[in-house]
Amino acid sequence: MHKIMITCPATGKDVATGILADTDTLEKLPDGSSNAHCPHCGGSHPWSVRDAWLDNGEQRTEVRG
């Protein structure tokens, strides 16, 4: 399992959503909207599956373009 990540729109830094998944699971998630707390700017950022990627510790694994 890997961290589902998004990008903070204010800082451009990577943000962990607090959710773990593998590629197959992430691709099957409905493209609804969720929120993630951002440790970089202190805000709450809405995100959807198409905004996210998996951080496997070595590289960024894009799920949807």
N, C-alpha and C. Protein backbone atom coordinates (compact mmCIF):
# COMPACT_ATOMS: atom_id res chain seq x y z
N MET A 1 0.83 -1.18 0.00
CA MET A 1 0.00 0.00 0.00
C MET A 1 0.88 1.24 0.00
N HIS A 2 0.40 2.27 -0.67
CA HIS A 2 1.16 3.51 -0.80
C HIS A 2 0.26 4.70 -0.43
N LYS A 3 0.89 5.81 -0.08
CA LYS A 3 0.15 7.01 0.27
C LYS A 3 -0.46 7.64 -0.99
N ILE A 4 -1.74 8.03 -0.88
CA ILE A 4 -2.36 8.82 -1.94
C ILE A 4 -1.95 10.26 -1.70
N MET A 5 -1.39 10.88 -2.73
CA MET A 5 -0.82 12.22 -2.62
C MET A 5 -1.54 13.20 -3.54
N ILE A 6 -1.52 14.48 -3.16
CA ILE A 6 -1.99 15.57 -4.00
C ILE A 6 -0.96 16.70 -3.90
N THR A 7 -1.18 17.77 -4.63
CA THR A 7 -0.29 18.93 -4.58
C THR A 7 -1.01 20.11 -3.93
N CYS A 8 -0.34 20.76 -3.00
CA CYS A 8 -0.88 21.97 -2.38
C CYS A 8 -0.90 23.07 -3.43
N PRO A 9 -2.08 23.65 -3.71
CA PRO A 9 -2.14 24.70 -4.72
C PRO A 9 -1.44 26.00 -4.28
N ALA A 10 -1.26 26.19 -2.99
CA ALA A 10 -0.62 27.41 -2.49
C ALA A 10 0.90 27.33 -2.53
N THR A 11 1.45 26.15 -2.22
CA THR A 11 2.90 26.02 -2.11
C THR A 11 3.52 25.16 -3.21
N GLY A 12 2.70 24.33 -3.86
CA GLY A 12 3.21 23.40 -4.87
C GLY A 12 3.86 22.17 -4.28
N LYS A 13 3.78 22.03 -2.95
CA LYS A 13 4.41 20.88 -2.29
C LYS A 13 3.46 19.68 -2.26
N ASP A 14 4.05 18.49 -2.15
CA ASP A 14 3.28 17.26 -2.06
C ASP A 14 2.60 17.16 -0.71
N VAL A 15 1.35 16.66 -0.72
CA VAL A 15 0.56 16.50 0.50
C VAL A 15 -0.01 15.09 0.54
N ALA A 16 0.22 14.38 1.63
CA ALA A 16 -0.39 13.07 1.83
C ALA A 16 -1.84 13.27 2.26
N THR A 17 -2.74 12.51 1.65
CA THR A 17 -4.17 12.63 1.97
C THR A 17 -4.55 11.89 3.24
N GLY A 18 -3.65 11.03 3.73
CA GLY A 18 -3.97 10.22 4.90
C GLY A 18 -4.61 8.89 4.53
N ILE A 19 -4.65 8.59 3.23
CA ILE A 19 -5.26 7.36 2.74
C ILE A 19 -4.19 6.52 2.06
N LEU A 20 -4.22 5.21 2.32
CA LEU A 20 -3.31 4.27 1.67
C LEU A 20 -4.09 3.45 0.64
N ALA A 21 -3.45 3.17 -0.48
CA ALA A 21 -4.09 2.36 -1.53
C ALA A 21 -3.03 1.79 -2.45
N ASP A 22 -3.42 0.81 -3.24
CA ASP A 22 -2.56 0.35 -4.32
C ASP A 22 -3.14 0.90 -5.62
N THR A 23 -2.45 0.71 -6.72
CA THR A 23 -2.88 1.29 -8.00
C THR A 23 -4.26 0.82 -8.40
N ASP A 24 -4.52 -0.48 -8.29
CA ASP A 24 -5.82 -1.01 -8.68
C ASP A 24 -6.96 -0.39 -7.87
N THR A 25 -6.76 -0.27 -6.57
CA THR A 25 -7.79 0.31 -5.71
C THR A 25 -8.02 1.78 -6.05
N LEU A 26 -6.95 2.54 -6.22
CA LEU A 26 -7.10 3.96 -6.53
C LEU A 26 -7.82 4.17 -7.85
N GLU A 27 -7.52 3.35 -8.85
CA GLU A 27 -8.17 3.47 -10.15
C GLU A 27 -9.65 3.15 -10.09
N LYS A 28 -10.07 2.36 -9.10
CA LYS A 28 -11.48 1.96 -8.97
C LYS A 28 -12.29 2.92 -8.11
N LEU A 29 -11.64 3.85 -7.43
CA LEU A 29 -12.37 4.80 -6.60
C LEU A 29 -13.22 5.72 -7.47
N PRO A 30 -14.44 6.06 -7.02
CA PRO A 30 -15.25 7.01 -7.79
C PRO A 30 -14.57 8.38 -7.78
N ASP A 31 -14.79 9.13 -8.84
CA ASP A 31 -14.12 10.43 -8.96
C ASP A 31 -14.93 11.52 -8.26
N GLY A 32 -15.25 11.29 -6.99
CA GLY A 32 -15.91 12.30 -6.18
C GLY A 32 -14.87 13.21 -5.57
N SER A 33 -15.32 14.11 -4.73
CA SER A 33 -14.40 15.05 -4.11
C SER A 33 -14.21 14.72 -2.63
N SER A 34 -12.97 14.83 -2.18
CA SER A 34 -12.62 14.65 -0.77
C SER A 34 -11.79 15.86 -0.36
N ASN A 35 -11.48 15.96 0.91
CA ASN A 35 -10.63 17.05 1.41
C ASN A 35 -9.44 16.47 2.15
N ALA A 36 -8.32 17.16 2.06
CA ALA A 36 -7.12 16.77 2.78
C ALA A 36 -6.56 17.98 3.51
N HIS A 37 -6.19 17.80 4.76
CA HIS A 37 -5.54 18.88 5.51
C HIS A 37 -4.11 19.02 5.02
N CYS A 38 -3.68 20.25 4.82
CA CYS A 38 -2.34 20.52 4.30
C CYS A 38 -1.42 21.01 5.42
N PRO A 39 -0.34 20.27 5.68
CA PRO A 39 0.60 20.71 6.71
C PRO A 39 1.47 21.88 6.26
N HIS A 40 1.48 22.18 4.97
CA HIS A 40 2.34 23.24 4.44
C HIS A 40 1.70 24.62 4.58
N CYS A 41 0.42 24.73 4.25
CA CYS A 41 -0.23 26.04 4.32
C CYS A 41 -1.31 26.10 5.40
N GLY A 42 -1.64 24.95 5.99
CA GLY A 42 -2.64 24.91 7.04
C GLY A 42 -4.07 24.84 6.53
N GLY A 43 -4.26 24.85 5.22
CA GLY A 43 -5.59 24.82 4.64
C GLY A 43 -6.13 23.42 4.45
N SER A 44 -7.33 23.36 3.94
CA SER A 44 -7.97 22.10 3.59
C SER A 44 -8.19 22.13 2.09
N HIS A 45 -7.64 21.15 1.38
CA HIS A 45 -7.71 21.16 -0.08
C HIS A 45 -8.65 20.09 -0.61
N PRO A 46 -9.62 20.48 -1.43
CA PRO A 46 -10.46 19.47 -2.08
C PRO A 46 -9.63 18.76 -3.15
N TRP A 47 -9.89 17.46 -3.32
CA TRP A 47 -9.17 16.71 -4.34
C TRP A 47 -10.06 15.59 -4.85
N SER A 48 -9.76 15.13 -6.04
CA SER A 48 -10.46 13.99 -6.62
C SER A 48 -9.39 13.00 -7.10
N VAL A 49 -9.82 11.83 -7.49
CA VAL A 49 -8.89 10.78 -7.93
C VAL A 49 -8.01 11.28 -9.08
N ARG A 50 -8.56 12.05 -9.98
CA ARG A 50 -7.76 12.51 -11.12
C ARG A 50 -6.67 13.50 -10.72
N ASP A 51 -6.76 14.07 -9.49
CA ASP A 51 -5.73 14.99 -8.98
C ASP A 51 -4.62 14.24 -8.24
N ALA A 52 -4.84 12.97 -7.95
CA ALA A 52 -3.98 12.23 -7.03
C ALA A 52 -2.99 11.32 -7.73
N TRP A 53 -1.98 10.92 -6.97
CA TRP A 53 -1.02 9.91 -7.42
C TRP A 53 -0.58 9.13 -6.19
N LEU A 54 0.08 8.02 -6.44
CA LEU A 54 0.60 7.19 -5.36
C LEU A 54 2.07 7.46 -5.17
N ASP A 55 2.48 7.61 -3.92
CA ASP A 55 3.89 7.78 -3.57
C ASP A 55 4.40 6.44 -3.08
N ASN A 56 5.18 5.78 -3.92
CA ASN A 56 5.69 4.47 -3.51
C ASN A 56 7.05 4.57 -2.83
N GLY A 57 7.48 5.78 -2.49
CA GLY A 57 8.74 5.97 -1.79
C GLY A 57 9.92 6.16 -2.72
N GLU A 58 9.77 5.79 -3.96
CA GLU A 58 10.86 5.92 -4.93
C GLU A 58 10.48 6.82 -6.10
N GLN A 59 9.22 6.77 -6.48
CA GLN A 59 8.79 7.57 -7.63
C GLN A 59 7.31 7.89 -7.51
N ARG A 60 6.89 8.86 -8.26
CA ARG A 60 5.51 9.28 -8.31
C ARG A 60 4.79 8.41 -9.35
N THR A 61 3.75 7.69 -8.94
CA THR A 61 3.02 6.83 -9.84
C THR A 61 1.70 7.49 -10.20
N GLU A 62 1.61 8.06 -11.41
CA GLU A 62 0.40 8.70 -11.87
C GLU A 62 -0.67 7.64 -12.08
N VAL A 63 -1.88 7.97 -11.71
CA VAL A 63 -2.97 7.01 -11.85
C VAL A 63 -3.87 7.41 -13.01
N ARG A 64 -4.26 8.66 -13.06
CA ARG A 64 -5.08 9.16 -14.16
C ARG A 64 -4.49 10.48 -14.66
N GLY A 65 -4.64 10.72 -15.93
CA GLY A 65 -4.10 11.96 -16.50
C GLY A 65 -5.05 13.00 -16.51
